[in-house]
Full PDB file with SEQRES, HELIX, SHEET, SSBOND, CRYST1, ORIGX, SCALE, CONECT and MASTER records, all heavy atoms in Angstrom:
SEQRES   1 A   38  GLY THR PRO GLN GLN LEU ALA MET SER LYS LYS GLU ARG          
SEQRES   2 A   38  THR GLY THR PHE SER VAL ARG ASP GLY LEU ASN ALA SER          
SEQRES   3 A   38  ALA ALA VAL VAL TYR GLU TYR SER LYS LEU LEU VAL              
SHEET    1 AA1 3 GLN A   5  SER A   9  0                                        
SHEET    2 AA1 3 THR A  14  ARG A  20 -1                                        
SHEET    3 AA1 3 SER A  26  GLU A  32 -1                                        
CRYST1    1.000    1.000    1.000  90.00  90.00  90.00 P 1           1          
ORIGX1      1.000000  0.000000  0.000000        0.00000                         
ORIGX2      0.000000  1.000000  0.000000        0.00000                         
ORIGX3      0.000000  0.000000  1.000000        0.00000                         
SCALE1      1.000000  0.000000  0.000000        0.00000                         
SCALE2      0.000000  1.000000  0.000000        0.00000                         
SCALE3      0.000000  0.000000  1.000000        0.00000                         
ATOM      1  N   GLY A   1      -3.226  60.860  -6.487  1.00  0.00           N  
ATOM      2  CA  GLY A   1      -3.047  61.873  -7.590  1.00  0.00           C  
ATOM      3  C   GLY A   1      -4.396  62.131  -8.176  1.00  0.00           C  
ATOM      4  O   GLY A   1      -5.367  61.513  -7.795  1.00  0.00           O  
ATOM      5  N   THR A   2      -4.433  62.996  -9.242  1.00  0.00           N  
ATOM      6  CA  THR A   2      -5.669  63.339  -9.793  1.00  0.00           C  
ATOM      7  C   THR A   2      -5.954  62.437 -10.942  1.00  0.00           C  
ATOM      8  O   THR A   2      -5.029  62.048 -11.585  1.00  0.00           O  
ATOM      9  CB  THR A   2      -5.646  64.795 -10.259  1.00  0.00           C  
ATOM     10  OG1 THR A   2      -4.523  64.935 -11.214  1.00  0.00           O  
ATOM     11  CG2 THR A   2      -5.442  65.784  -9.133  1.00  0.00           C  
ATOM     12  N   PRO A   3      -7.143  62.049 -11.178  1.00  0.00           N  
ATOM     13  CA  PRO A   3      -7.558  61.191 -12.303  1.00  0.00           C  
ATOM     14  C   PRO A   3      -7.227  62.026 -13.646  1.00  0.00           C  
ATOM     15  O   PRO A   3      -7.428  63.228 -13.661  1.00  0.00           O  
ATOM     16  CB  PRO A   3      -8.963  60.885 -12.257  1.00  0.00           C  
ATOM     17  CG  PRO A   3      -9.583  61.915 -11.167  1.00  0.00           C  
ATOM     18  CD  PRO A   3      -8.354  62.497 -10.382  1.00  0.00           C  
ATOM     19  N   GLN A   4      -6.839  61.358 -14.643  1.00  0.00           N  
ATOM     20  CA  GLN A   4      -6.656  61.882 -16.009  1.00  0.00           C  
ATOM     21  C   GLN A   4      -7.774  61.688 -16.866  1.00  0.00           C  
ATOM     22  O   GLN A   4      -8.307  60.610 -16.909  1.00  0.00           O  
ATOM     23  CB  GLN A   4      -5.303  61.249 -16.632  1.00  0.00           C  
ATOM     24  CG  GLN A   4      -4.067  61.348 -15.766  1.00  0.00           C  
ATOM     25  CD  GLN A   4      -3.696  62.812 -15.626  1.00  0.00           C  
ATOM     26  OE1 GLN A   4      -3.762  63.605 -16.516  1.00  0.00           O  
ATOM     27  NE2 GLN A   4      -3.138  63.149 -14.517  1.00  0.00           N  
ATOM     28  N   GLN A   5      -8.150  62.771 -17.677  1.00  0.00           N  
ATOM     29  CA  GLN A   5      -9.260  62.633 -18.639  1.00  0.00           C  
ATOM     30  C   GLN A   5      -8.641  62.333 -20.028  1.00  0.00           C  
ATOM     31  O   GLN A   5      -7.698  63.048 -20.443  1.00  0.00           O  
ATOM     32  CB  GLN A   5      -9.987  63.909 -18.587  1.00  0.00           C  
ATOM     33  CG  GLN A   5     -10.625  64.252 -17.421  1.00  0.00           C  
ATOM     34  CD  GLN A   5     -11.784  63.403 -17.022  1.00  0.00           C  
ATOM     35  OE1 GLN A   5     -12.503  62.960 -17.823  1.00  0.00           O  
ATOM     36  NE2 GLN A   5     -12.005  63.186 -15.683  1.00  0.00           N  
ATOM     37  N   LEU A   6      -9.142  61.301 -20.588  1.00  0.00           N  
ATOM     38  CA  LEU A   6      -8.619  60.942 -21.993  1.00  0.00           C  
ATOM     39  C   LEU A   6      -9.762  60.885 -23.021  1.00  0.00           C  
ATOM     40  O   LEU A   6     -10.744  60.376 -22.721  1.00  0.00           O  
ATOM     41  CB  LEU A   6      -7.938  59.436 -21.851  1.00  0.00           C  
ATOM     42  CG  LEU A   6      -7.563  58.742 -23.199  1.00  0.00           C  
ATOM     43  CD1 LEU A   6      -6.479  59.567 -23.953  1.00  0.00           C  
ATOM     44  CD2 LEU A   6      -7.144  57.432 -23.025  1.00  0.00           C  
ATOM     45  N   ALA A   7      -9.469  61.431 -24.161  1.00  0.00           N  
ATOM     46  CA  ALA A   7     -10.392  61.265 -25.310  1.00  0.00           C  
ATOM     47  C   ALA A   7      -9.580  60.785 -26.472  1.00  0.00           C  
ATOM     48  O   ALA A   7      -8.489  61.353 -26.832  1.00  0.00           O  
ATOM     49  CB  ALA A   7     -10.968  62.698 -25.628  1.00  0.00           C  
ATOM     50  N   MET A   8      -9.983  59.700 -27.069  1.00  0.00           N  
ATOM     51  CA  MET A   8      -9.323  59.065 -28.259  1.00  0.00           C  
ATOM     52  C   MET A   8     -10.071  59.180 -29.363  1.00  0.00           C  
ATOM     53  O   MET A   8     -11.337  58.820 -29.327  1.00  0.00           O  
ATOM     54  CB  MET A   8      -8.939  57.678 -27.892  1.00  0.00           C  
ATOM     55  CG  MET A   8      -7.964  57.464 -26.810  1.00  0.00           C  
ATOM     56  SD  MET A   8      -7.417  55.793 -26.516  1.00  0.00           S  
ATOM     57  CE  MET A   8      -6.556  55.391 -28.033  1.00  0.00           C  
ATOM     58  N   SER A   9      -9.431  59.560 -30.589  1.00  0.00           N  
ATOM     59  CA  SER A   9     -10.207  59.635 -31.817  1.00  0.00           C  
ATOM     60  C   SER A   9      -9.547  58.508 -32.750  1.00  0.00           C  
ATOM     61  O   SER A   9      -8.324  58.578 -33.210  1.00  0.00           O  
ATOM     62  CB  SER A   9     -10.037  60.921 -32.388  1.00  0.00           C  
ATOM     63  OG  SER A   9     -10.434  60.940 -33.723  1.00  0.00           O  
ATOM     64  N   LYS A  10     -10.349  57.613 -33.122  1.00  0.00           N  
ATOM     65  CA  LYS A  10      -9.831  56.493 -34.004  1.00  0.00           C  
ATOM     66  C   LYS A  10      -9.514  57.070 -35.440  1.00  0.00           C  
ATOM     67  O   LYS A  10      -8.644  56.685 -36.053  1.00  0.00           O  
ATOM     68  CB  LYS A  10     -10.968  55.452 -34.084  1.00  0.00           C  
ATOM     69  CG  LYS A  10     -10.417  54.160 -34.750  1.00  0.00           C  
ATOM     70  CD  LYS A  10     -11.544  53.068 -34.617  1.00  0.00           C  
ATOM     71  CE  LYS A  10     -11.009  51.714 -35.129  1.00  0.00           C  
ATOM     72  NZ  LYS A  10     -12.078  50.710 -35.059  1.00  0.00           N  
ATOM     73  N   LYS A  11     -10.479  57.933 -35.837  1.00  0.00           N  
ATOM     74  CA  LYS A  11     -10.352  58.612 -37.195  1.00  0.00           C  
ATOM     75  C   LYS A  11      -9.106  59.419 -37.355  1.00  0.00           C  
ATOM     76  O   LYS A  11      -8.329  59.331 -38.284  1.00  0.00           O  
ATOM     77  CB  LYS A  11     -11.533  59.324 -37.551  1.00  0.00           C  
ATOM     78  CG  LYS A  11     -11.532  60.006 -38.887  1.00  0.00           C  
ATOM     79  CD  LYS A  11     -12.860  60.780 -39.121  1.00  0.00           C  
ATOM     80  CE  LYS A  11     -12.716  61.531 -40.404  1.00  0.00           C  
ATOM     81  NZ  LYS A  11     -13.735  62.540 -40.570  1.00  0.00           N  
ATOM     82  N   GLU A  12      -8.830  60.264 -36.319  1.00  0.00           N  
ATOM     83  CA  GLU A  12      -7.694  61.152 -36.404  1.00  0.00           C  
ATOM     84  C   GLU A  12      -6.410  60.511 -35.802  1.00  0.00           C  
ATOM     85  O   GLU A  12      -5.388  61.053 -36.018  1.00  0.00           O  
ATOM     86  CB  GLU A  12      -8.035  62.399 -35.576  1.00  0.00           C  
ATOM     87  CG  GLU A  12      -9.179  63.368 -36.081  1.00  0.00           C  
ATOM     88  CD  GLU A  12      -8.749  63.956 -37.321  1.00  0.00           C  
ATOM     89  OE1 GLU A  12      -7.580  64.400 -37.572  1.00  0.00           O  
ATOM     90  OE2 GLU A  12      -9.610  64.259 -38.198  1.00  0.00           O  
ATOM     91  N   ARG A  13      -6.566  59.412 -35.238  1.00  0.00           N  
ATOM     92  CA  ARG A  13      -5.481  58.600 -34.542  1.00  0.00           C  
ATOM     93  C   ARG A  13      -4.748  59.555 -33.502  1.00  0.00           C  
ATOM     94  O   ARG A  13      -3.549  59.881 -33.470  1.00  0.00           O  
ATOM     95  CB  ARG A  13      -4.497  58.146 -35.574  1.00  0.00           C  
ATOM     96  CG  ARG A  13      -5.115  57.117 -36.495  1.00  0.00           C  
ATOM     97  CD  ARG A  13      -4.140  56.456 -37.447  1.00  0.00           C  
ATOM     98  NE  ARG A  13      -3.112  55.754 -36.695  1.00  0.00           N  
ATOM     99  CZ  ARG A  13      -1.844  55.650 -37.119  1.00  0.00           C  
ATOM    100  NH1 ARG A  13      -1.506  56.115 -38.148  1.00  0.00           N  
ATOM    101  NH2 ARG A  13      -0.991  55.013 -36.315  1.00  0.00           N  
ATOM    102  N   THR A  14      -5.614  60.125 -32.580  1.00  0.00           N  
ATOM    103  CA  THR A  14      -5.010  60.958 -31.632  1.00  0.00           C  
ATOM    104  C   THR A  14      -5.559  60.518 -30.215  1.00  0.00           C  
ATOM    105  O   THR A  14      -6.627  59.821 -30.071  1.00  0.00           O  
ATOM    106  CB  THR A  14      -5.547  62.365 -31.750  1.00  0.00           C  
ATOM    107  OG1 THR A  14      -6.941  62.481 -31.608  1.00  0.00           O  
ATOM    108  CG2 THR A  14      -5.109  63.059 -33.045  1.00  0.00           C  
ATOM    109  N   GLY A  15      -4.745  60.884 -29.242  1.00  0.00           N  
ATOM    110  CA  GLY A  15      -5.163  60.711 -27.892  1.00  0.00           C  
ATOM    111  C   GLY A  15      -5.020  62.139 -27.116  1.00  0.00           C  
ATOM    112  O   GLY A  15      -3.958  62.753 -27.273  1.00  0.00           O  
ATOM    113  N   THR A  16      -6.128  62.643 -26.562  1.00  0.00           N  
ATOM    114  CA  THR A  16      -6.058  63.940 -25.845  1.00  0.00           C  
ATOM    115  C   THR A  16      -6.250  63.771 -24.383  1.00  0.00           C  
ATOM    116  O   THR A  16      -7.233  63.120 -23.993  1.00  0.00           O  
ATOM    117  CB  THR A  16      -7.198  64.741 -26.420  1.00  0.00           C  
ATOM    118  OG1 THR A  16      -6.978  64.865 -27.964  1.00  0.00           O  
ATOM    119  CG2 THR A  16      -6.998  66.243 -25.874  1.00  0.00           C  
ATOM    120  N   PHE A  17      -5.356  64.334 -23.600  1.00  0.00           N  
ATOM    121  CA  PHE A  17      -5.440  64.254 -22.114  1.00  0.00           C  
ATOM    122  C   PHE A  17      -5.589  65.700 -21.648  1.00  0.00           C  
ATOM    123  O   PHE A  17      -5.033  66.592 -22.181  1.00  0.00           O  
ATOM    124  CB  PHE A  17      -4.007  63.763 -21.583  1.00  0.00           C  
ATOM    125  CG  PHE A  17      -3.846  62.256 -21.843  1.00  0.00           C  
ATOM    126  CD1 PHE A  17      -3.260  61.789 -22.896  1.00  0.00           C  
ATOM    127  CD2 PHE A  17      -4.303  61.400 -20.927  1.00  0.00           C  
ATOM    128  CE1 PHE A  17      -2.950  60.594 -23.177  1.00  0.00           C  
ATOM    129  CE2 PHE A  17      -4.055  59.963 -21.078  1.00  0.00           C  
ATOM    130  CZ  PHE A  17      -3.414  59.590 -22.231  1.00  0.00           C  
ATOM    131  N   SER A  18      -6.386  65.741 -20.638  1.00  0.00           N  
ATOM    132  CA  SER A  18      -6.539  66.980 -19.905  1.00  0.00           C  
ATOM    133  C   SER A  18      -5.740  66.853 -18.554  1.00  0.00           C  
ATOM    134  O   SER A  18      -6.007  65.897 -17.742  1.00  0.00           O  
ATOM    135  CB  SER A  18      -8.011  67.289 -19.604  1.00  0.00           C  
ATOM    136  OG  SER A  18      -8.109  68.401 -18.701  1.00  0.00           O  
ATOM    137  N   VAL A  19      -4.757  67.654 -18.334  1.00  0.00           N  
ATOM    138  CA  VAL A  19      -3.882  67.603 -17.161  1.00  0.00           C  
ATOM    139  C   VAL A  19      -3.948  68.929 -16.421  1.00  0.00           C  
ATOM    140  O   VAL A  19      -4.306  69.980 -17.000  1.00  0.00           O  
ATOM    141  CB  VAL A  19      -2.394  67.303 -17.579  1.00  0.00           C  
ATOM    142  CG1 VAL A  19      -2.429  65.933 -18.096  1.00  0.00           C  
ATOM    143  CG2 VAL A  19      -1.842  68.336 -18.494  1.00  0.00           C  
ATOM    144  N   ARG A  20      -3.566  68.801 -15.140  1.00  0.00           N  
ATOM    145  CA  ARG A  20      -3.488  70.016 -14.277  1.00  0.00           C  
ATOM    146  C   ARG A  20      -2.268  70.864 -14.581  1.00  0.00           C  
ATOM    147  O   ARG A  20      -1.152  70.236 -14.751  1.00  0.00           O  
ATOM    148  CB  ARG A  20      -3.607  69.661 -12.825  1.00  0.00           C  
ATOM    149  CG  ARG A  20      -5.009  69.057 -12.486  1.00  0.00           C  
ATOM    150  CD  ARG A  20      -5.097  68.700 -11.026  1.00  0.00           C  
ATOM    151  NE  ARG A  20      -5.260  69.755  -9.966  1.00  0.00           N  
ATOM    152  CZ  ARG A  20      -6.356  70.615 -10.008  1.00  0.00           C  
ATOM    153  NH1 ARG A  20      -7.172  70.708 -11.028  1.00  0.00           N  
ATOM    154  NH2 ARG A  20      -6.326  71.521  -9.064  1.00  0.00           N  
ATOM    155  N   ASP A  21      -2.311  72.146 -14.546  1.00  0.00           N  
ATOM    156  CA  ASP A  21      -1.176  72.963 -14.847  1.00  0.00           C  
ATOM    157  C   ASP A  21      -1.219  74.093 -13.620  1.00  0.00           C  
ATOM    158  O   ASP A  21      -1.757  75.197 -13.829  1.00  0.00           O  
ATOM    159  CB  ASP A  21      -1.237  73.674 -16.173  1.00  0.00           C  
ATOM    160  CG  ASP A  21      -0.001  74.462 -16.502  1.00  0.00           C  
ATOM    161  OD1 ASP A  21       1.076  74.252 -15.880  1.00  0.00           O  
ATOM    162  OD2 ASP A  21      -0.078  75.473 -17.259  1.00  0.00           O  
ATOM    163  N   GLY A  22      -0.657  73.713 -12.556  1.00  0.00           N  
ATOM    164  CA  GLY A  22      -0.702  74.595 -11.404  1.00  0.00           C  
ATOM    165  C   GLY A  22      -1.920  74.265 -10.569  1.00  0.00           C  
ATOM    166  O   GLY A  22      -2.582  73.351 -10.628  1.00  0.00           O  
ATOM    167  N   LEU A  23      -2.254  75.356  -9.731  1.00  0.00           N  
ATOM    168  CA  LEU A  23      -3.316  75.106  -8.758  1.00  0.00           C  
ATOM    169  C   LEU A  23      -4.726  75.169  -9.395  1.00  0.00           C  
ATOM    170  O   LEU A  23      -5.482  74.341  -9.161  1.00  0.00           O  
ATOM    171  CB  LEU A  23      -3.158  76.177  -7.689  1.00  0.00           C  
ATOM    172  CG  LEU A  23      -3.907  75.959  -6.421  1.00  0.00           C  
ATOM    173  CD1 LEU A  23      -3.628  74.528  -5.771  1.00  0.00           C  
ATOM    174  CD2 LEU A  23      -3.650  77.092  -5.401  1.00  0.00           C  
ATOM    175  N   ASN A  24      -4.896  76.319 -10.108  1.00  0.00           N  
ATOM    176  CA  ASN A  24      -6.313  76.390 -10.707  1.00  0.00           C  
ATOM    177  C   ASN A  24      -6.356  76.436 -12.188  1.00  0.00           C  
ATOM    178  O   ASN A  24      -7.210  77.105 -12.803  1.00  0.00           O  
ATOM    179  CB  ASN A  24      -6.891  77.660 -10.161  1.00  0.00           C  
ATOM    180  CG  ASN A  24      -7.228  77.565  -8.618  1.00  0.00           C  
ATOM    181  OD1 ASN A  24      -7.595  76.563  -8.128  1.00  0.00           O  
ATOM    182  ND2 ASN A  24      -6.970  78.659  -7.908  1.00  0.00           N  
ATOM    183  N   ALA A  25      -5.432  75.727 -12.881  1.00  0.00           N  
ATOM    184  CA  ALA A  25      -5.437  75.818 -14.331  1.00  0.00           C  
ATOM    185  C   ALA A  25      -5.270  74.349 -14.895  1.00  0.00           C  
ATOM    186  O   ALA A  25      -4.856  73.352 -14.103  1.00  0.00           O  
ATOM    187  CB  ALA A  25      -4.263  76.684 -14.838  1.00  0.00           C  
ATOM    188  N   SER A  26      -5.611  74.294 -16.137  1.00  0.00           N  
ATOM    189  CA  SER A  26      -5.467  72.967 -16.790  1.00  0.00           C  
ATOM    190  C   SER A  26      -4.686  73.236 -18.166  1.00  0.00           C  
ATOM    191  O   SER A  26      -4.543  74.345 -18.573  1.00  0.00           O  
ATOM    192  CB  SER A  26      -6.836  72.319 -17.047  1.00  0.00           C  
ATOM    193  OG  SER A  26      -7.536  73.076 -17.913  1.00  0.00           O  
ATOM    194  N   ALA A  27      -4.277  72.047 -18.653  1.00  0.00           N  
ATOM    195  CA  ALA A  27      -3.624  72.024 -19.955  1.00  0.00           C  
ATOM    196  C   ALA A  27      -4.039  70.810 -20.725  1.00  0.00           C  
ATOM    197  O   ALA A  27      -4.619  69.894 -20.085  1.00  0.00           O  
ATOM    198  CB  ALA A  27      -2.085  71.966 -19.745  1.00  0.00           C  
ATOM    199  N   ALA A  28      -3.814  70.857 -22.038  1.00  0.00           N  
ATOM    200  CA  ALA A  28      -4.162  69.727 -22.884  1.00  0.00           C  
ATOM    201  C   ALA A  28      -3.011  69.175 -23.602  1.00  0.00           C  
ATOM    202  O   ALA A  28      -2.117  69.932 -23.993  1.00  0.00           O  
ATOM    203  CB  ALA A  28      -5.155  70.163 -23.984  1.00  0.00           C  
ATOM    204  N   VAL A  29      -2.868  67.899 -23.420  1.00  0.00           N  
ATOM    205  CA  VAL A  29      -1.680  67.186 -24.216  1.00  0.00           C  
ATOM    206  C   VAL A  29      -2.356  66.296 -25.248  1.00  0.00           C  
ATOM    207  O   VAL A  29      -3.172  65.498 -24.905  1.00  0.00           O  
ATOM    208  CB  VAL A  29      -0.852  66.299 -23.124  1.00  0.00           C  
ATOM    209  CG1 VAL A  29       0.197  65.593 -23.901  1.00  0.00           C  
ATOM    210  CG2 VAL A  29      -0.364  67.154 -21.971  1.00  0.00           C  
ATOM    211  N   VAL A  30      -1.855  66.472 -26.524  1.00  0.00           N  
ATOM    212  CA  VAL A  30      -2.362  65.712 -27.624  1.00  0.00           C  
ATOM    213  C   VAL A  30      -1.353  64.838 -28.176  1.00  0.00           C  
ATOM    214  O   VAL A  30      -0.323  65.375 -28.558  1.00  0.00           O  
ATOM    215  CB  VAL A  30      -2.991  66.722 -28.680  1.00  0.00           C  
ATOM    216  CG1 VAL A  30      -3.389  65.908 -29.867  1.00  0.00           C  
ATOM    217  CG2 VAL A  30      -4.062  67.479 -28.121  1.00  0.00           C  
ATOM    218  N   TYR A  31      -1.622  63.562 -28.254  1.00  0.00           N  
ATOM    219  CA  TYR A  31      -0.676  62.631 -28.914  1.00  0.00           C  
ATOM    220  C   TYR A  31      -1.228  62.378 -30.268  1.00  0.00           C  
ATOM    221  O   TYR A  31      -2.309  61.917 -30.499  1.00  0.00           O  
ATOM    222  CB  TYR A  31      -0.580  61.306 -28.256  1.00  0.00           C  
ATOM    223  CG  TYR A  31       0.225  61.215 -26.922  1.00  0.00           C  
ATOM    224  CD1 TYR A  31      -0.324  61.774 -25.775  1.00  0.00           C  
ATOM    225  CD2 TYR A  31       1.527  60.760 -26.983  1.00  0.00           C  
ATOM    226  CE1 TYR A  31       0.470  61.658 -24.545  1.00  0.00           C  
ATOM    227  CE2 TYR A  31       2.309  60.711 -25.753  1.00  0.00           C  
ATOM    228  CZ  TYR A  31       1.713  61.163 -24.584  1.00  0.00           C  
ATOM    229  OH  TYR A  31       2.525  61.089 -23.449  1.00  0.00           O  
ATOM    230  N   GLU A  32      -0.540  62.844 -31.387  1.00  0.00           N  
ATOM    231  CA  GLU A  32      -0.980  62.620 -32.790  1.00  0.00           C  
ATOM    232  C   GLU A  32      -0.118  61.535 -33.362  1.00  0.00           C  
ATOM    233  O   GLU A  32       1.067  61.830 -33.762  1.00  0.00           O  
ATOM    234  CB  GLU A  32      -0.929  63.937 -33.603  1.00  0.00           C  
ATOM    235  CG  GLU A  32      -1.970  64.890 -33.256  1.00  0.00           C  
ATOM    236  CD  GLU A  32      -2.256  65.916 -34.320  1.00  0.00           C  
ATOM    237  OE1 GLU A  32      -1.460  66.108 -35.122  1.00  0.00           O  
ATOM    238  OE2 GLU A  32      -3.297  66.612 -34.212  1.00  0.00           O  
ATOM    239  N   TYR A  33      -0.681  60.318 -33.264  1.00  0.00           N  
ATOM    240  CA  TYR A  33       0.069  59.176 -33.635  1.00  0.00           C  
ATOM    241  C   TYR A  33       0.358  59.185 -35.220  1.00  0.00           C  
ATOM    242  O   TYR A  33       1.386  58.641 -35.659  1.00  0.00           O  
ATOM    243  CB  TYR A  33      -0.645  57.872 -33.210  1.00  0.00           C  
ATOM    244  CG  TYR A  33      -0.880  57.802 -31.809  1.00  0.00           C  
ATOM    245  CD1 TYR A  33      -2.081  58.097 -31.163  1.00  0.00           C  
ATOM    246  CD2 TYR A  33       0.207  57.646 -30.837  1.00  0.00           C  
ATOM    247  CE1 TYR A  33      -2.297  57.977 -29.812  1.00  0.00           C  
ATOM    248  CE2 TYR A  33       0.144  57.638 -29.572  1.00  0.00           C  
ATOM    249  CZ  TYR A  33      -1.242  57.793 -29.031  1.00  0.00           C  
ATOM    250  OH  TYR A  33      -1.417  57.822 -27.669  1.00  0.00           O  
ATOM    251  N   SER A  34      -0.485  59.663 -35.970  1.00  0.00           N  
ATOM    252  CA  SER A  34      -0.343  59.812 -37.452  1.00  0.00           C  
ATOM    253  C   SER A  34       0.820  60.594 -37.881  1.00  0.00           C  
ATOM    254  O   SER A  34       1.522  60.323 -38.787  1.00  0.00           O  
ATOM    255  CB  SER A  34      -1.619  60.081 -38.149  1.00  0.00           C  
ATOM    256  OG  SER A  34      -1.978  61.390 -37.760  1.00  0.00           O  
ATOM    257  N   LYS A  35       1.039  61.705 -37.212  1.00  0.00           N  
ATOM    258  CA  LYS A  35       2.139  62.734 -37.449  1.00  0.00           C  
ATOM    259  C   LYS A  35       3.390  62.484 -36.482  1.00  0.00           C  
ATOM    260  O   LYS A  35       4.415  63.209 -36.716  1.00  0.00           O  
ATOM    261  CB  LYS A  35       1.665  64.107 -37.230  1.00  0.00           C  
ATOM    262  CG  LYS A  35       0.407  64.481 -38.095  1.00  0.00           C  
ATOM    263  CD  LYS A  35       0.875  64.837 -39.438  1.00  0.00           C  
ATOM    264  CE  LYS A  35      -0.264  65.519 -40.287  1.00  0.00           C  
ATOM    265  NZ  LYS A  35       0.160  66.088 -41.541  1.00  0.00           N  
ATOM    266  N   LEU A  36       3.216  61.534 -35.566  1.00  0.00           N  
ATOM    267  CA  LEU A  36       4.327  61.377 -34.583  1.00  0.00           C  
ATOM    268  C   LEU A  36       4.738  62.552 -33.924  1.00  0.00           C  
ATOM    269  O   LEU A  36       5.806  62.900 -33.753  1.00  0.00           O  
ATOM    270  CB  LEU A  36       5.513  60.656 -35.193  1.00  0.00           C  
ATOM    271  CG  LEU A  36       5.266  59.227 -35.629  1.00  0.00           C  
ATOM    272  CD1 LEU A  36       6.561  58.625 -36.327  1.00  0.00           C  
ATOM    273  CD2 LEU A  36       4.939  58.314 -34.425  1.00  0.00           C  
ATOM    274  N   LEU A  37       3.669  63.310 -33.294  1.00  0.00           N  
ATOM    275  CA  LEU A  37       3.860  64.603 -32.645  1.00  0.00           C  
ATOM    276  C   LEU A  37       3.032  64.514 -31.302  1.00  0.00           C  
ATOM    277  O   LEU A  37       2.087  63.876 -31.153  1.00  0.00           O  
ATOM    278  CB  LEU A  37       3.358  65.771 -33.449  1.00  0.00           C  
ATOM    279  CG  LEU A  37       4.054  66.226 -34.717  1.00  0.00           C  
ATOM    280  CD1 LEU A  37       3.314  67.300 -35.402  1.00  0.00           C  
ATOM    281  CD2 LEU A  37       5.393  66.740 -34.394  1.00  0.00           C  
ATOM    282  N   VAL A  38       3.584  65.351 -30.333  1.00  0.00           N  
ATOM    283  CA  VAL A  38       2.903  65.602 -29.123  1.00  0.00           C  
ATOM    284  C   VAL A  38       2.749  67.123 -28.997  1.00  0.00           C  
ATOM    285  O   VAL A  38       3.659  67.791 -29.183  1.00  0.00           O  
ATOM    286  CB  VAL A  38       3.644  64.985 -27.977  1.00  0.00           C  
ATOM    287  CG1 VAL A  38       2.862  65.272 -26.618  1.00  0.00           C  
ATOM    288  CG2 VAL A  38       3.920  63.534 -28.019  1.00  0.00           C  
TER     289      VAL A  38                                                      
MASTER        0    0    0    0    3    0    0    6  288    1    0    3          
END                                                                             
């Protein structure tokens, strides 16, 4: 599989992933733990 890129912010309490979306595109998935949202 493809490696996942993760950026975590302690101040904002978030985790941001860069994922593949199709063949030549990407998407961002953000976990916002303080708001309990993705």
